[in-house]
Amino acid sequence: MLTIPDLTLLFMVVVSGLAIAFVYMLHELEPRLARLRQRGERVLRDRIR
């Protein structure tokens, strides 16, 4: 049986892992989002002309 300190440590490890995964996901998505943003600006600029 896990004691309270063991459960707390397990919870902290799980939350830390999820936070790291979230930051990594944002790090991987940012270049793609920047390209999409540039493409969208180009389309809007072409429509204005």
Protein backbone atom coordinates (compact mmCIF):
# COMPACT_ATOMS: atom_id res chain seq x y z
CA MET A 1 0.00 0.00 0.00
CA LEU A 2 1.23 3.47 -0.87
CA THR A 3 1.63 5.95 1.94
CA ILE A 4 0.60 9.60 1.72
CA PRO A 5 4.14 10.84 0.93
CA ASP A 6 4.44 8.20 -1.81
CA LEU A 7 1.12 9.25 -3.34
CA THR A 8 2.15 12.90 -3.19
CA LEU A 9 5.41 12.16 -4.98
CA LEU A 10 3.59 10.09 -7.59
CA PHE A 11 1.09 12.91 -8.14
CA MET A 12 3.92 15.44 -8.51
CA VAL A 13 5.69 13.23 -11.05
CA VAL A 14 2.51 12.79 -13.09
CA VAL A 15 1.72 16.52 -13.07
CA SER A 16 5.32 17.39 -13.95
CA GLY A 17 5.27 14.93 -16.84
CA LEU A 18 2.04 16.41 -18.18
CA ALA A 19 3.45 19.93 -17.90
CA ILE A 20 6.62 18.93 -19.77
CA ALA A 21 4.55 17.23 -22.47
CA PHE A 22 2.40 20.35 -22.86
CA VAL A 23 5.43 22.65 -23.18
CA TYR A 24 7.03 20.27 -25.70
CA MET A 25 3.80 20.20 -27.72
CA LEU A 26 3.71 24.01 -27.84
CA HIS A 27 7.39 24.05 -28.81
CA GLU A 28 6.72 21.70 -31.72
CA LEU A 29 3.55 23.47 -32.89
CA GLU A 30 4.88 27.04 -32.80
CA PRO A 31 6.76 26.97 -36.16
CA ARG A 32 3.73 25.50 -37.93
CA LEU A 33 1.43 28.09 -36.40
CA ALA A 34 3.83 30.87 -37.45
CA ARG A 35 3.81 29.59 -41.04
CA LEU A 36 0.01 29.45 -41.06
CA ARG A 37 -0.14 32.97 -39.64
CA GLN A 38 2.18 34.26 -42.38
CA ARG A 39 0.15 32.48 -45.05
CA GLY A 40 -3.04 34.01 -43.69
CA GLU A 41 -1.53 37.50 -43.72
CA ARG A 42 -0.42 36.98 -47.32
CA VAL A 43 -3.96 35.96 -48.36
CA LEU A 44 -5.47 38.98 -46.61
CA ARG A 45 -2.88 41.30 -48.20
CA ASP A 46 -3.66 39.89 -51.66
CA ARG A 47 -7.40 40.38 -51.15
CA ILE A 48 -6.95 44.03 -50.23
CA ARG A 49 -5.05 44.81 -53.47
